[in-house]
Amino acid sequence: MGNWLVNHWFSAAVLAAWLGINIFLFTYYFLFFDQDDRYFYTRAILGSALAWARASAKCLNFNSMLILLPVCRNLLSFLRGTCLCCRRTLRKQLDHNLTFHKLVAYALALLTAVHTIAHLFNLERYNQSQQATDGSLPAVLSKMHLQDNKWLNPIHSNETTVEYMAFTTIPGLTGVIITLALILMVTSSTEFIRRNYFEVFCGLVRGQTEQSMAEVDPHRCAQYLTQRDQNCTHHCCKDPEFGSIPAESWKWVLAPIILYVFERILRVWRAQQKVVVKKVVMHPARVLELQMQKKGFRMEVGQYIFVNCPAISPLEWHPFTLTSAPEEDFFSIHVRVAGDWTERLINTFQSENPRIEVDGPFGTASEDVFQYEVAMLVGAGIGVTPFASILKSIWYKFQQADQTLKTKKIYFYWLCRDREAFAWFNDLLASLEQKMAESGKADFLTYRLFLTGWDTSIANNVALHFDTATDTVTGLRQKTIFGRPMWNTEFAVVAEAHPRSVVGVFLCGPGALAKSLQKSCHQHSSLDPRKVKFYFNKENF
């Protein structure tokens, strides 16, 4: 469990740092606007709602700065692949980029709610102060400087309502529009807040100017505002003057926006480069293989690309794991029907050869597979694709007698619902079996195929041919197993075979399977740093 503790400690440290900064910003600015003398008169009208609105705004700025960074795929690929300071524990945190992106988005939604509600209270209190005729301090302050730009209360007429301010002023209207847009993005679960979130109501809240504070101190002079007569000659008889809070949102979000814009420009430029489809192969179970070439394209094992087919939709981009090896002179993907777009893509390629646009490649957790002495690769259905790239690369490394290969043993598990899904990958496994046997490394790869959907006719056929040298389902030497893996047993076997190794566990599959594998990694990792440890890695697009 040592590696589990390290990884989770690091993840917890990142989360604690993010929470800590948010708590610090909120607390610091809440106390600042609740106690600072520049906002003495503002608090006289608004009360504590001022501090709630401004503190949440500062946290909005901070999280707006962060929201774009986890979706800068080129930045993440750079950090994963080229940054020397990115050790294994740090690289694993990059795999949580989408989780962190969603977490920041949820925080933005919560802070927006606090910010908006606080300002609705502010508008109502501004309105009440403007309409008050009791000579109270809020009423007096609301009548000051109505003919110039040094006013404190933005509502200058008794006929002005909260609804009027919300839907006719620039701060109010932009606040309503952005809040509605945020609600739509949250409820529709589309790409979450890819743009900065500026201070919505920055023009409504004002404070006393520095020059006015030097002349009219609020603590000494506030009482004169409600008690003075027309002949007052005391220096406190002068009306205080107010000014807007300087806009600061741009300072927080400028750098991330520039980085994100550069990222988008780079991706658009790469997507426009010509892609040549060299070969189209239709495998069993309606799996389409596209072999492509593109000038300057370089990949590593386990990476993925985004694919667009303008003939289907000029705006839709879908991620696909690369199934080719870096040693090959082309790059390939395998596509199965998983929705309208993929079905149309397969149908289109069966009748013509449409233009394809490609963006990428981008890094994933599977890039680290050759950093482990022992690797467990788990694929579910079409989730086998990143491991096709890895196994192909291993085949080429054996062909070239590569002595730099750190990995000494690979365990490969493939779970499929129907036996036709095995067909397109059989040739690669068969050639790997043969090559490793010829190289005297037959024990390098241990693979287990699990058929999770089967009927009695398949079972009867298997029983009749049980003694044959090859499997009746796949034609491979390794027999297909009916049902699901017993992961505790599988992990126990690996732990016993490699008692002092660091084992990388890689999954491309559903979340439920990820939970099972992660649990097994924790249970079978030793606290003793000299003994076996399992590191869990999952593909995230």
Protein backbone atom coordinates (compact mmCIF):
# COMPACT_ATOMS: atom_id res chain seq x y z
CA MET A 1 0.00 0.00 0.00
CA GLY A 2 3.05 2.30 0.07
CA ASN A 3 2.57 3.59 -3.48
CA TRP A 4 -1.13 4.09 -2.80
CA LEU A 5 -0.27 6.25 0.21
CA VAL A 6 2.29 8.29 -1.73
CA ASN A 7 0.00 8.90 -4.70
CA HIS A 8 -3.02 9.70 -2.58
CA TRP A 9 -0.95 11.87 -0.26
CA PHE A 10 0.24 13.85 -3.28
CA SER A 11 -3.30 14.12 -4.68
CA ALA A 12 -4.56 15.16 -1.25
CA ALA A 13 -1.76 17.74 -1.01
CA VAL A 14 -2.78 19.27 -4.36
CA LEU A 15 -6.44 19.34 -3.31
CA ALA A 16 -5.55 20.79 0.10
CA ALA A 17 -3.44 23.51 -1.55
CA TRP A 18 -6.30 24.45 -3.87
CA LEU A 19 -8.81 24.48 -1.01
CA GLY A 20 -6.37 26.35 1.22
CA ILE A 21 -5.84 29.12 -1.33
CA ASN A 22 -9.60 29.46 -1.84
CA ILE A 23 -10.22 29.62 1.92
CA PHE A 24 -7.40 32.14 2.38
CA LEU A 25 -8.65 34.39 -0.44
CA PHE A 26 -12.23 34.26 0.79
CA THR A 27 -11.32 34.88 4.44
CA TYR A 28 -8.78 37.62 3.71
CA TYR A 29 -11.05 39.62 1.39
CA PHE A 30 -14.14 39.01 3.51
CA LEU A 31 -12.37 40.61 6.49
CA PHE A 32 -10.89 43.31 4.25
CA PHE A 33 -14.24 44.50 2.90
CA ASP A 34 -15.90 43.96 6.28
CA GLN A 35 -13.38 46.13 8.17
CA ASP A 36 -11.53 48.45 5.80
CA ASP A 37 -12.34 52.14 6.33
CA ARG A 38 -12.68 52.82 2.60
CA TYR A 39 -15.91 50.80 2.68
CA PHE A 40 -17.26 52.20 5.95
CA TYR A 41 -20.06 54.08 4.19
CA THR A 42 -20.65 51.26 1.70
CA ARG A 43 -21.22 48.87 4.61
CA ALA A 44 -23.63 51.36 6.12
CA ILE A 45 -25.92 50.66 3.16
CA LEU A 46 -25.09 47.09 2.23
CA GLY A 47 -24.11 45.45 5.49
CA SER A 48 -22.29 42.09 5.34
CA ALA A 49 -23.54 41.35 1.81
CA LEU A 50 -20.69 43.56 0.55
CA ALA A 51 -18.07 41.24 2.03
CA TRP A 52 -19.84 38.13 0.74
CA ALA A 53 -20.00 39.53 -2.79
CA ARG A 54 -16.40 40.74 -2.96
CA ALA A 55 -14.82 37.70 -1.25
CA SER A 56 -16.59 35.32 -3.61
CA ALA A 57 -15.48 37.50 -6.55
CA LYS A 58 -11.81 37.09 -5.59
CA CYS A 59 -12.24 33.32 -5.45
CA LEU A 60 -13.97 33.47 -8.83
CA ASN A 61 -10.91 35.21 -10.22
CA PHE A 62 -8.57 32.54 -8.84
CA ASN A 63 -10.61 29.63 -10.15
CA SER A 64 -11.14 31.35 -13.51
CA MET A 65 -7.35 31.41 -13.77
CA LEU A 66 -7.23 27.63 -13.20
CA ILE A 67 -10.21 26.43 -15.24
CA LEU A 68 -8.43 26.51 -18.62
CA LEU A 69 -5.13 24.89 -17.60
CA PRO A 70 -6.38 21.28 -17.21
CA VAL A 71 -7.78 21.31 -20.77
CA CYS A 72 -4.58 22.57 -22.43
CA ARG A 73 -3.70 19.16 -23.86
CA ASN A 74 -0.47 20.26 -25.48
CA LEU A 75 0.76 21.65 -22.17
CA LEU A 76 -0.09 18.39 -20.41
CA SER A 77 1.64 16.35 -23.13
CA PHE A 78 4.72 18.55 -22.78
CA LEU A 79 4.80 18.11 -19.01
CA ARG A 80 4.27 14.37 -19.32
CA GLY A 81 6.81 13.73 -22.03
CA THR A 82 9.58 16.30 -21.85
CA CYS A 83 9.67 17.94 -18.42
CA LEU A 84 12.57 16.43 -16.49
CA CYS A 85 11.04 17.30 -13.13
CA CYS A 86 7.96 15.17 -13.83
CA ARG A 87 8.60 12.04 -11.82
CA ARG A 88 6.17 9.14 -11.79
CA THR A 89 4.12 10.46 -8.86
CA LEU A 90 3.80 13.90 -10.45
CA ARG A 91 3.01 12.52 -13.90
CA LYS A 92 0.20 10.47 -12.40
CA GLN A 93 -1.42 13.68 -11.18
CA LEU A 94 -1.69 14.80 -14.81
CA ASP A 95 -4.08 11.88 -15.36
CA HIS A 96 -6.55 13.63 -13.04
CA ASN A 97 -6.74 16.75 -15.24
CA LEU A 98 -10.42 16.31 -16.16
CA THR A 99 -11.37 15.56 -12.54
CA PHE A 100 -9.65 18.75 -11.42
CA HIS A 101 -11.27 20.67 -14.30
CA LYS A 102 -14.72 19.54 -13.13
CA LEU A 103 -13.87 20.32 -9.50
CA VAL A 104 -12.87 23.88 -10.38
CA ALA A 105 -16.02 24.21 -12.50
CA TYR A 106 -18.20 23.12 -9.58
CA ALA A 107 -16.43 25.68 -7.39
CA LEU A 108 -17.10 28.36 -10.01
CA ALA A 109 -20.78 27.43 -10.05
CA LEU A 110 -21.01 27.60 -6.24
CA LEU A 111 -19.08 30.88 -6.01
CA THR A 112 -21.20 32.36 -8.79
CA ALA A 113 -24.33 31.53 -6.81
CA VAL A 114 -22.90 33.20 -3.67
CA HIS A 115 -21.69 36.21 -5.68
CA THR A 116 -25.02 36.67 -7.47
CA ILE A 117 -27.22 36.22 -4.38
CA ALA A 118 -25.08 38.67 -2.40
CA HIS A 119 -25.43 41.28 -5.15
CA LEU A 120 -29.19 40.76 -5.31
CA PHE A 121 -29.26 41.64 -1.60
CA ASN A 122 -27.04 44.64 -2.41
CA LEU A 123 -29.44 45.88 -5.08
CA GLU A 124 -32.40 45.54 -2.75
CA ARG A 125 -30.59 47.48 0.01
CA TYR A 126 -29.53 50.17 -2.45
CA ASN A 127 -33.17 50.50 -3.47
CA GLN A 128 -34.41 50.66 0.14
CA SER A 129 -31.79 53.29 1.03
CA GLN A 130 -32.73 55.43 -1.97
CA GLN A 131 -36.42 55.37 -1.04
CA ALA A 132 -35.81 55.98 2.69
CA THR A 133 -36.85 59.40 4.03
CA ASP A 134 -35.99 58.91 7.70
CA GLY A 135 -32.74 60.87 7.60
CA SER A 136 -30.70 57.78 8.44
CA LEU A 137 -27.10 57.45 7.28
CA PRO A 138 -27.97 55.10 4.35
CA ALA A 139 -30.66 57.56 3.23
CA VAL A 140 -28.30 60.54 3.40
CA LEU A 141 -25.51 58.71 1.58
CA SER A 142 -27.92 57.72 -1.21
CA LYS A 143 -28.75 61.38 -1.95
CA MET A 144 -25.12 62.51 -2.33
CA HIS A 145 -23.43 63.42 -5.63
CA LEU A 146 -26.42 62.54 -7.80
CA GLN A 147 -25.26 65.07 -10.41
CA ASP A 148 -21.63 63.91 -10.71
CA ASN A 149 -19.66 60.67 -10.77
CA LYS A 150 -18.79 60.55 -7.07
CA TRP A 151 -21.99 58.87 -5.88
CA LEU A 152 -22.17 55.83 -3.61
CA ASN A 153 -25.62 54.46 -4.39
CA PRO A 154 -26.05 53.51 -8.09
CA ILE A 155 -29.86 53.86 -7.79
CA HIS A 156 -30.66 57.54 -8.22
CA SER A 157 -34.45 57.47 -8.46
CA ASN A 158 -37.31 56.17 -6.36
CA GLU A 159 -38.85 54.73 -9.50
CA THR A 160 -35.81 52.52 -10.13
CA THR A 161 -36.38 48.87 -9.15
CA VAL A 162 -34.06 45.92 -8.64
CA GLU A 163 -35.40 44.37 -11.85
CA TYR A 164 -34.70 47.60 -13.76
CA MET A 165 -31.08 47.66 -12.56
CA ALA A 166 -30.62 43.97 -13.37
CA PHE A 167 -31.93 44.17 -16.93
CA THR A 168 -31.05 47.69 -18.12
CA THR A 169 -27.60 48.50 -16.69
CA ILE A 170 -24.45 47.02 -18.23
CA PRO A 171 -23.24 45.38 -14.97
CA GLY A 172 -26.68 43.96 -14.24
CA LEU A 173 -27.42 42.74 -17.76
CA THR A 174 -24.02 41.12 -18.27
CA GLY A 175 -24.41 39.47 -14.88
CA VAL A 176 -27.76 37.99 -15.84
CA ILE A 177 -26.50 36.79 -19.23
CA ILE A 178 -23.33 35.17 -17.88
CA THR A 179 -25.20 33.54 -15.01
CA LEU A 180 -27.81 32.09 -17.39
CA ALA A 181 -25.03 30.84 -19.66
CA LEU A 182 -23.36 29.20 -16.68
CA ILE A 183 -26.62 27.50 -15.67
CA LEU A 184 -27.07 26.17 -19.21
CA MET A 185 -23.52 24.79 -19.26
CA VAL A 186 -23.92 23.13 -15.88
CA THR A 187 -27.30 21.56 -16.60
CA SER A 188 -26.40 20.36 -20.11
CA SER A 189 -23.00 18.96 -19.05
CA THR A 190 -21.27 20.43 -22.08
CA GLU A 191 -17.67 21.67 -22.04
CA PHE A 192 -17.51 23.44 -18.73
CA ILE A 193 -16.64 27.16 -18.56
CA ARG A 194 -13.81 27.30 -21.10
CA ARG A 195 -13.67 31.07 -20.86
CA ASN A 196 -12.80 33.46 -18.07
CA TYR A 197 -15.49 34.66 -15.69
CA PHE A 198 -15.16 38.36 -15.07
CA GLU A 199 -16.56 40.23 -12.10
CA VAL A 200 -20.23 40.46 -12.95
CA PHE A 201 -21.35 43.45 -10.94
CA CYS A 202 -18.05 45.33 -10.57
CA GLY A 203 -19.69 48.65 -11.49
CA LEU A 204 -22.27 48.59 -8.69
CA VAL A 205 -20.06 48.52 -5.57
CA ARG A 206 -18.06 51.61 -4.68
CA GLY A 207 -15.84 52.80 -1.85
CA GLN A 208 -14.62 56.13 -0.49
CA THR A 209 -11.65 57.56 -2.39
CA GLU A 210 -8.23 57.89 -0.72
CA GLN A 211 -8.28 61.69 -1.03
CA SER A 212 -11.74 61.91 0.48
CA MET A 213 -10.72 59.66 3.39
CA ALA A 214 -7.81 61.96 4.18
CA GLU A 215 -10.18 64.93 4.32
CA VAL A 216 -13.29 63.27 5.78
CA ASP A 217 -12.44 60.37 8.07
CA PRO A 218 -15.50 58.05 8.21
CA HIS A 219 -15.12 57.12 11.89
CA ARG A 220 -15.06 60.75 13.04
CA CYS A 221 -17.34 62.29 10.47
CA ALA A 222 -20.16 59.78 9.90
CA GLN A 223 -22.29 61.29 12.68
CA TYR A 224 -22.15 64.75 11.07
CA LEU A 225 -23.85 63.48 7.92
CA THR A 226 -27.15 62.90 9.76
CA GLN A 227 -26.92 65.78 12.27
CA ARG A 228 -25.29 68.72 10.45
CA ASP A 229 -27.14 71.96 9.61
CA GLN A 230 -26.73 74.23 6.63
CA ASN A 231 -24.26 76.54 8.44
CA CYS A 232 -21.90 73.75 9.51
CA THR A 233 -18.25 74.83 9.24
CA HIS A 234 -16.56 71.72 10.68
CA HIS A 235 -14.27 69.88 8.24
CA CYS A 236 -16.51 66.82 8.64
CA CYS A 237 -19.36 68.75 7.04
CA LYS A 238 -17.87 68.13 3.62
CA ASP A 239 -19.56 65.32 1.71
CA PRO A 240 -17.42 62.18 1.28
CA GLU A 241 -16.62 61.23 -2.31
CA PHE A 242 -16.75 57.74 -3.76
CA GLY A 243 -15.16 55.87 -6.65
CA SER A 244 -15.37 52.48 -8.35
CA ILE A 245 -13.28 49.48 -7.32
CA PRO A 246 -10.53 48.99 -9.96
CA ALA A 247 -11.17 45.99 -12.21
CA GLU A 248 -8.72 43.16 -11.41
CA SER A 249 -10.18 40.11 -13.14
CA TRP A 250 -8.06 40.57 -16.25
CA LYS A 251 -4.88 40.29 -14.18
CA TRP A 252 -5.88 36.82 -13.02
CA VAL A 253 -7.03 35.39 -16.32
CA LEU A 254 -4.78 37.10 -18.89
CA ALA A 255 -1.94 34.55 -18.81
CA PRO A 256 -4.20 31.44 -18.93
CA ILE A 257 -6.25 32.97 -21.74
CA ILE A 258 -3.12 33.73 -23.78
CA LEU A 259 -1.91 30.17 -23.18
CA TYR A 260 -5.29 28.71 -24.12
CA VAL A 261 -5.57 30.88 -27.25
CA PHE A 262 -2.10 29.75 -28.30
CA GLU A 263 -3.18 26.16 -27.64
CA ARG A 264 -6.25 26.58 -29.84
CA ILE A 265 -4.26 28.24 -32.63
CA LEU A 266 -1.74 25.39 -32.54
CA ARG A 267 -4.50 22.80 -32.66
CA VAL A 268 -6.27 24.54 -35.55
CA TRP A 269 -2.98 24.79 -37.47
CA ARG A 270 -2.21 21.11 -36.91
CA ALA A 271 -5.74 20.09 -37.83
CA GLN A 272 -5.42 21.84 -41.21
CA GLN A 273 -2.36 19.81 -42.22
CA LYS A 274 -3.10 17.24 -44.90
CA VAL A 275 -3.87 13.68 -43.77
CA VAL A 276 -3.46 10.84 -46.27
CA VAL A 277 -5.53 7.69 -45.62
CA LYS A 278 -3.23 4.93 -46.87
CA LYS A 279 -5.38 1.93 -46.07
CA VAL A 280 -8.91 1.14 -44.92
CA VAL A 281 -9.60 -2.24 -43.30
CA MET A 282 -13.02 -3.48 -42.17
CA HIS A 283 -12.55 -6.02 -39.37
CA PRO A 284 -15.19 -8.36 -37.91
CA ALA A 285 -17.77 -6.92 -35.49
CA ARG A 286 -17.84 -3.75 -37.66
CA VAL A 287 -14.50 -2.43 -36.47
CA LEU A 288 -13.00 0.04 -38.95
CA GLU A 289 -9.22 0.43 -39.14
CA LEU A 290 -7.77 3.58 -40.73
CA GLN A 291 -4.05 3.70 -41.54
CA MET A 292 -2.94 7.28 -42.13
CA GLN A 293 0.10 9.44 -42.79
CA LYS A 294 0.71 13.09 -41.97
CA LYS A 295 3.83 15.17 -42.43
CA GLY A 296 5.76 15.70 -39.19
CA PHE A 297 3.54 13.34 -37.18
CA ARG A 298 5.41 11.70 -34.28
CA MET A 299 3.83 9.49 -31.68
CA GLU A 300 4.55 7.40 -28.60
CA VAL A 301 2.79 4.26 -27.44
CA GLY A 302 -0.60 4.77 -25.83
CA GLN A 303 -1.21 8.27 -27.19
CA TYR A 304 -4.47 9.44 -28.74
CA ILE A 305 -5.64 11.85 -31.43
CA PHE A 306 -8.79 13.82 -32.21
CA VAL A 307 -10.43 13.01 -35.54
CA ASN A 308 -12.82 15.12 -37.59
CA CYS A 309 -14.60 14.15 -40.80
CA PRO A 310 -15.98 17.33 -42.42
CA ALA A 311 -18.26 15.27 -44.65
CA ILE A 312 -20.12 14.14 -41.53
CA SER A 313 -19.79 17.21 -39.33
CA PRO A 314 -17.28 20.08 -39.57
CA LEU A 315 -17.53 20.77 -35.84
CA GLU A 316 -17.43 17.30 -34.22
CA TRP A 317 -14.03 16.06 -33.02
CA HIS A 318 -13.76 12.64 -31.38
CA PRO A 319 -10.81 11.09 -29.50
CA PHE A 320 -9.32 7.77 -30.63
CA THR A 321 -6.37 5.89 -29.19
CA LEU A 322 -3.59 5.18 -31.67
CA THR A 323 -3.22 1.46 -32.39
CA SER A 324 -0.02 1.72 -34.42
CA ALA A 325 3.50 1.56 -33.04
CA PRO A 326 6.03 4.42 -33.18
CA GLU A 327 8.26 2.17 -35.29
CA GLU A 328 5.70 2.02 -38.13
CA ASP A 329 5.63 4.50 -41.03
CA PHE A 330 1.93 5.24 -40.50
CA PHE A 331 -0.44 5.85 -37.63
CA SER A 332 -3.73 4.02 -37.22
CA ILE A 333 -6.95 3.99 -35.25
CA HIS A 334 -9.69 1.39 -34.83
CA VAL A 335 -13.29 2.60 -34.74
CA ARG A 336 -16.34 0.66 -33.61
CA VAL A 337 -19.96 1.81 -33.60
CA ALA A 338 -20.51 3.80 -30.41
CA GLY A 339 -23.03 6.42 -31.53
CA ASP A 340 -24.35 8.22 -34.59
CA TRP A 341 -21.05 9.81 -35.59
CA THR A 342 -18.99 6.60 -35.54
CA GLU A 343 -21.73 4.71 -37.38
CA ARG A 344 -21.81 7.36 -40.10
CA LEU A 345 -18.01 7.32 -40.31
CA ILE A 346 -17.94 3.55 -40.85
CA ASN A 347 -20.75 3.74 -43.42
CA THR A 348 -19.00 6.58 -45.24
CA PHE A 349 -15.71 4.72 -45.54
CA GLN A 350 -17.52 1.66 -46.88
CA SER A 351 -18.68 3.70 -49.90
CA GLU A 352 -16.01 6.41 -50.36
CA ASN A 353 -12.74 7.82 -48.99
CA PRO A 354 -13.64 11.15 -47.34
CA ARG A 355 -11.22 13.82 -46.12
CA ILE A 356 -10.04 13.39 -42.55
CA GLU A 357 -8.58 16.00 -40.20
CA VAL A 358 -6.38 15.00 -37.25
CA ASP A 359 -5.27 16.91 -34.14
CA GLY A 360 -2.62 15.46 -31.87
CA PRO A 361 -1.14 13.23 -30.67
CA PHE A 362 -1.70 13.80 -26.97
CA GLY A 363 -0.20 11.94 -24.04
CA THR A 364 -1.91 9.47 -21.69
CA ALA A 365 -0.99 7.26 -18.77
CA SER A 366 -0.06 4.38 -21.10
CA GLU A 367 3.03 6.27 -22.24
CA ASP A 368 4.68 5.19 -18.99
CA VAL A 369 4.27 1.46 -19.60
CA PHE A 370 7.94 0.88 -20.49
CA GLN A 371 9.00 2.59 -17.23
CA TYR A 372 7.90 -0.49 -15.28
CA GLU A 373 9.67 -3.81 -14.92
CA VAL A 374 6.31 -5.59 -14.91
CA ALA A 375 3.11 -4.32 -16.55
CA MET A 376 -0.48 -5.50 -16.32
CA LEU A 377 -2.55 -4.32 -19.29
CA VAL A 378 -6.34 -4.54 -18.97
CA GLY A 379 -8.60 -3.74 -21.91
CA ALA A 380 -12.38 -4.01 -22.16
CA GLY A 381 -13.82 -4.38 -25.67
CA ILE A 382 -12.45 -1.69 -27.97
CA GLY A 383 -10.51 -0.46 -24.91
CA VAL A 384 -7.75 -2.80 -26.08
CA THR A 385 -6.59 -0.18 -28.60
CA PRO A 386 -3.80 1.49 -26.53
CA PHE A 387 -2.37 -1.93 -25.78
CA ALA A 388 -2.33 -2.80 -29.47
CA SER A 389 0.16 0.03 -29.85
CA ILE A 390 2.21 -1.21 -26.90
CA LEU A 391 2.29 -4.84 -28.02
CA LYS A 392 3.17 -3.86 -31.58
CA SER A 393 6.03 -1.72 -30.28
CA ILE A 394 7.28 -4.66 -28.22
CA TRP A 395 7.18 -6.84 -31.35
CA TYR A 396 9.37 -4.33 -33.18
CA LYS A 397 11.75 -4.05 -30.25
CA PHE A 398 12.22 -7.82 -30.34
CA GLN A 399 12.74 -7.64 -34.09
CA GLN A 400 15.46 -5.03 -33.60
CA ALA A 401 16.96 -6.76 -30.56
CA ASP A 402 16.46 -3.58 -28.49
CA GLN A 403 18.59 -3.88 -25.35
CA THR A 404 17.19 -0.74 -23.72
CA LEU A 405 13.78 -2.27 -22.99
CA LYS A 406 13.31 -2.02 -19.23
CA THR A 407 10.12 -4.08 -19.12
CA LYS A 408 10.75 -7.78 -18.39
CA LYS A 409 7.22 -9.13 -18.19
CA ILE A 410 3.77 -8.18 -19.49
CA TYR A 411 0.42 -9.58 -18.37
CA PHE A 412 -2.35 -8.78 -20.83
CA TYR A 413 -6.07 -9.19 -20.02
CA TRP A 414 -8.78 -8.59 -22.60
CA LEU A 415 -12.48 -8.69 -21.69
CA CYS A 416 -15.06 -8.91 -24.51
CA ARG A 417 -18.81 -9.48 -24.60
CA ASP A 418 -18.90 -11.28 -27.97
CA ARG A 419 -16.36 -13.53 -29.61
CA GLU A 420 -16.34 -11.60 -32.92
CA ALA A 421 -14.66 -8.71 -31.12
CA PHE A 422 -11.54 -10.85 -30.62
CA ALA A 423 -11.03 -11.34 -34.34
CA TRP A 424 -9.28 -8.11 -35.39
CA PHE A 425 -6.62 -8.43 -32.68
CA ASN A 426 -5.92 -12.14 -33.14
CA ASP A 427 -3.30 -11.70 -35.87
CA LEU A 428 -1.16 -9.46 -33.69
CA LEU A 429 -1.32 -11.84 -30.72
CA ALA A 430 -0.53 -14.81 -32.96
CA SER A 431 2.51 -13.07 -34.46
CA LEU A 432 3.68 -12.04 -30.98
CA GLU A 433 3.39 -15.63 -29.80
CA GLN A 434 5.47 -16.83 -32.72
CA LYS A 435 8.13 -14.11 -32.50
CA MET A 436 8.66 -14.50 -28.78
CA ALA A 437 8.92 -18.25 -29.11
CA GLU A 438 11.54 -17.82 -31.84
CA SER A 439 13.44 -15.30 -29.69
CA GLY A 440 13.48 -17.63 -26.70
CA LYS A 441 11.26 -15.23 -24.74
CA ALA A 442 8.00 -17.12 -24.77
CA ASP A 443 7.44 -16.18 -21.12
CA PHE A 444 7.68 -12.42 -21.77
CA LEU A 445 3.97 -12.09 -22.56
CA THR A 446 1.19 -13.81 -20.65
CA TYR A 447 -2.23 -13.00 -21.99
CA ARG A 448 -5.68 -14.06 -20.85
CA LEU A 449 -8.83 -13.53 -22.90
CA PHE A 450 -12.19 -13.38 -21.13
CA LEU A 451 -15.49 -13.83 -22.96
CA THR A 452 -18.10 -12.20 -20.73
CA GLY A 453 -21.09 -12.81 -23.04
CA TRP A 454 -21.73 -16.38 -24.24
CA ASP A 455 -24.45 -18.97 -24.66
CA THR A 456 -24.73 -22.76 -24.33
CA SER A 457 -23.90 -23.41 -28.01
CA ILE A 458 -20.51 -21.71 -27.62
CA ALA A 459 -19.86 -23.57 -24.36
CA ASN A 460 -20.79 -26.93 -25.93
CA ASN A 461 -18.49 -26.27 -28.89
CA VAL A 462 -15.62 -25.45 -26.57
CA ALA A 463 -16.23 -28.59 -24.52
CA LEU A 464 -16.14 -30.76 -27.65
CA HIS A 465 -12.77 -29.32 -28.72
CA PHE A 466 -11.25 -28.93 -25.29
CA ASP A 467 -8.20 -31.08 -26.10
CA THR A 468 -7.19 -29.21 -29.27
CA ALA A 469 -3.92 -27.29 -29.30
CA THR A 470 -5.58 -24.01 -30.23
CA ASP A 471 -8.61 -22.21 -28.85
CA THR A 472 -11.88 -22.72 -30.76
CA VAL A 473 -12.98 -19.10 -30.17
CA THR A 474 -9.80 -17.24 -31.15
CA GLY A 475 -7.55 -19.82 -32.81
CA LEU A 476 -4.73 -18.88 -30.41
CA ARG A 477 -2.74 -21.18 -28.15
CA GLN A 478 -4.12 -19.50 -25.05
CA LYS A 479 -7.61 -20.79 -24.22
CA THR A 480 -10.44 -18.30 -23.80
CA ILE A 481 -11.88 -18.06 -20.29
CA PHE A 482 -15.65 -17.77 -19.93
CA GLY A 483 -16.76 -15.19 -17.38
CA ARG A 484 -15.01 -12.33 -15.63
CA PRO A 485 -11.55 -12.31 -14.05
CA MET A 486 -11.08 -12.94 -10.35
CA TRP A 487 -8.84 -9.95 -9.82
CA ASN A 488 -7.68 -10.86 -6.34
CA THR A 489 -6.42 -14.16 -7.71
CA GLU A 490 -4.74 -12.50 -10.71
CA PHE A 491 -2.99 -9.92 -8.53
CA ALA A 492 -1.91 -12.56 -6.03
CA VAL A 493 -0.29 -14.57 -8.83
CA VAL A 494 1.60 -11.53 -10.12
CA ALA A 495 2.68 -10.51 -6.62
CA GLU A 496 4.00 -14.00 -5.93
CA ALA A 497 5.87 -14.15 -9.26
CA HIS A 498 7.43 -10.70 -8.79
CA PRO A 499 7.86 -10.19 -5.04
CA ARG A 500 10.27 -7.24 -5.35
CA SER A 501 9.05 -5.52 -8.51
CA VAL A 502 7.19 -2.32 -9.28
CA VAL A 503 4.14 -3.31 -11.31
CA GLY A 504 2.29 -0.84 -13.52
CA VAL A 505 -1.42 -1.60 -13.93
CA PHE A 506 -2.94 0.07 -17.00
CA LEU A 507 -6.65 0.14 -17.81
CA CYS A 508 -8.66 1.34 -20.76
CA GLY A 509 -12.21 0.50 -19.75
CA PRO A 510 -15.27 1.50 -17.69
CA GLY A 511 -15.27 3.15 -14.28
CA ALA A 512 -16.62 0.11 -12.42
CA LEU A 513 -13.66 -1.96 -13.61
CA ALA A 514 -11.31 0.86 -12.62
CA LYS A 515 -12.61 0.75 -9.05
CA SER A 516 -12.04 -3.01 -8.84
CA LEU A 517 -8.48 -2.74 -10.18
CA GLN A 518 -7.62 0.21 -7.98
CA LYS A 519 -8.87 -1.67 -4.93
CA SER A 520 -6.76 -4.71 -5.86
CA CYS A 521 -3.70 -2.48 -6.34
CA HIS A 522 -4.14 -1.15 -2.80
CA GLN A 523 -4.70 -4.57 -1.27
CA HIS A 524 -1.74 -6.29 -2.89
CA SER A 525 0.87 -3.54 -2.59
CA SER A 526 3.29 -4.06 0.26
CA LEU A 527 4.07 -1.37 2.82
CA ASP A 528 7.67 -2.58 2.73
CA PRO A 529 9.43 -0.42 0.07
CA ARG A 530 11.58 -3.41 -0.89
CA LYS A 531 8.59 -5.55 -1.86
CA VAL A 532 6.00 -5.55 -4.64
CA LYS A 533 4.04 -2.41 -5.41
CA PHE A 534 1.19 -1.91 -7.88
CA TYR A 535 0.66 1.48 -9.55
CA PHE A 536 -2.77 2.02 -11.10
CA ASN A 537 -3.08 4.04 -14.33
CA LYS A 538 -6.27 4.73 -16.29
CA GLU A 539 -6.83 6.23 -19.72
CA ASN A 540 -8.61 9.60 -19.57
CA PHE A 541 -9.63 11.59 -22.65
